[in-house]
N, C-alpha and C. Protein backbone atom coordinates (compact mmCIF):
# COMPACT_ATOMS: atom_id res chain seq x y z
N MET A 1 0.87 -1.18 0.00
CA MET A 1 0.00 0.00 0.00
C MET A 1 0.91 1.23 0.00
N GLY A 2 0.61 2.16 -0.86
CA GLY A 2 1.41 3.36 -0.96
C GLY A 2 1.04 4.37 0.11
N ALA A 3 1.79 5.45 0.14
CA ALA A 3 1.56 6.49 1.14
C ALA A 3 0.16 7.09 1.00
N ILE A 4 -0.31 7.25 -0.23
CA ILE A 4 -1.65 7.82 -0.43
C ILE A 4 -2.71 6.87 0.12
N GLY A 5 -2.56 5.57 -0.15
CA GLY A 5 -3.50 4.59 0.37
C GLY A 5 -3.51 4.57 1.88
N GLU A 6 -2.33 4.68 2.48
CA GLU A 6 -2.25 4.70 3.95
C GLU A 6 -2.92 5.95 4.51
N GLN A 7 -2.76 7.07 3.83
CA GLN A 7 -3.39 8.31 4.29
C GLN A 7 -4.91 8.20 4.22
N VAL A 8 -5.42 7.64 3.14
CA VAL A 8 -6.87 7.46 2.99
C VAL A 8 -7.38 6.53 4.09
N LEU A 9 -6.67 5.44 4.33
CA LEU A 9 -7.07 4.51 5.38
C LEU A 9 -7.08 5.19 6.74
N ALA A 10 -6.06 5.98 7.03
CA ALA A 10 -5.99 6.69 8.31
C ALA A 10 -7.16 7.66 8.45
N GLU A 11 -7.51 8.35 7.38
CA GLU A 11 -8.65 9.28 7.43
C GLU A 11 -9.95 8.53 7.67
N GLU A 12 -10.13 7.40 7.00
CA GLU A 12 -11.36 6.61 7.18
C GLU A 12 -11.45 6.07 8.60
N LEU A 13 -10.33 5.59 9.14
CA LEU A 13 -10.33 5.09 10.51
C LEU A 13 -10.65 6.20 11.50
N GLY A 14 -10.14 7.39 11.24
CA GLY A 14 -10.45 8.53 12.09
C GLY A 14 -11.93 8.87 12.06
N GLU A 15 -12.53 8.81 10.89
CA GLU A 15 -13.97 9.09 10.77
C GLU A 15 -14.79 8.04 11.51
N VAL A 16 -14.41 6.78 11.38
CA VAL A 16 -15.13 5.71 12.07
C VAL A 16 -15.00 5.89 13.58
N ALA A 17 -13.81 6.20 14.05
CA ALA A 17 -13.60 6.40 15.49
C ALA A 17 -14.46 7.55 15.99
N ALA A 18 -14.55 8.63 15.23
CA ALA A 18 -15.36 9.78 15.64
C ALA A 18 -16.84 9.39 15.71
N LYS A 19 -17.31 8.60 14.75
CA LYS A 19 -18.71 8.16 14.77
C LYS A 19 -19.00 7.28 15.98
N VAL A 20 -18.08 6.37 16.28
CA VAL A 20 -18.27 5.47 17.43
C VAL A 20 -18.31 6.28 18.72
N LEU A 21 -17.40 7.23 18.87
CA LEU A 21 -17.40 8.06 20.08
C LEU A 21 -18.69 8.86 20.19
N HIS A 22 -19.17 9.38 19.09
CA HIS A 22 -20.42 10.14 19.09
C HIS A 22 -21.58 9.25 19.54
N GLU A 23 -21.63 8.02 19.01
CA GLU A 23 -22.71 7.10 19.39
C GLU A 23 -22.63 6.74 20.86
N LEU A 24 -21.41 6.53 21.38
CA LEU A 24 -21.25 6.20 22.80
C LEU A 24 -21.72 7.35 23.67
N ARG A 25 -21.35 8.57 23.29
CA ARG A 25 -21.77 9.74 24.07
C ARG A 25 -23.29 9.86 24.05
N TYR A 26 -23.90 9.61 22.89
CA TYR A 26 -25.36 9.68 22.78
C TYR A 26 -26.01 8.64 23.69
N GLU A 27 -25.48 7.42 23.66
CA GLU A 27 -26.05 6.36 24.49
C GLU A 27 -25.90 6.68 25.97
N GLU A 28 -24.75 7.24 26.35
CA GLU A 28 -24.55 7.62 27.75
C GLU A 28 -25.51 8.73 28.16
N ALA A 29 -25.69 9.71 27.30
CA ALA A 29 -26.61 10.81 27.60
C ALA A 29 -28.04 10.29 27.70
N GLU A 30 -28.39 9.37 26.82
CA GLU A 30 -29.73 8.79 26.85
C GLU A 30 -29.95 8.02 28.16
N ALA A 31 -28.95 7.28 28.59
CA ALA A 31 -29.06 6.52 29.84
C ALA A 31 -29.20 7.47 31.03
N ARG A 32 -28.43 8.55 31.03
CA ARG A 32 -28.55 9.53 32.13
C ARG A 32 -29.94 10.15 32.14
N SER A 33 -30.45 10.46 30.97
CA SER A 33 -31.78 11.04 30.86
C SER A 33 -32.84 10.08 31.40
N ARG A 34 -32.72 8.82 31.02
CA ARG A 34 -33.66 7.80 31.51
C ARG A 34 -33.59 7.68 33.03
N ASN A 35 -32.37 7.66 33.57
CA ASN A 35 -32.20 7.54 35.02
C ASN A 35 -32.82 8.73 35.74
N GLN A 36 -32.60 9.93 35.22
CA GLN A 36 -33.17 11.12 35.85
C GLN A 36 -34.69 11.09 35.78
N ARG A 37 -35.23 10.67 34.64
CA ARG A 37 -36.68 10.56 34.50
C ARG A 37 -37.23 9.55 35.51
N ASP A 38 -36.56 8.42 35.63
CA ASP A 38 -37.02 7.39 36.56
C ASP A 38 -36.98 7.89 38.00
N GLU A 39 -35.96 8.67 38.34
CA GLU A 39 -35.87 9.23 39.69
C GLU A 39 -37.03 10.18 39.96
N LEU A 40 -37.40 10.97 38.96
CA LEU A 40 -38.50 11.92 39.13
C LEU A 40 -39.85 11.22 39.23
N MET A 41 -39.96 10.03 38.63
CA MET A 41 -41.22 9.30 38.64
C MET A 41 -41.48 8.58 39.96
N ARG A 42 -40.47 8.45 40.79
CA ARG A 42 -40.63 7.71 42.06
C ARG A 42 -41.45 8.48 43.05
């Protein structure tokens, strides 16, 4: 794989990592929201 191919691969991996982190943050925020709602419902 040439330098250009490696650069493209690195960029794609960076994009995938950013998407995964975004999804994890969303899931964590959703869980916190659910927990707070459940606390208020008690």
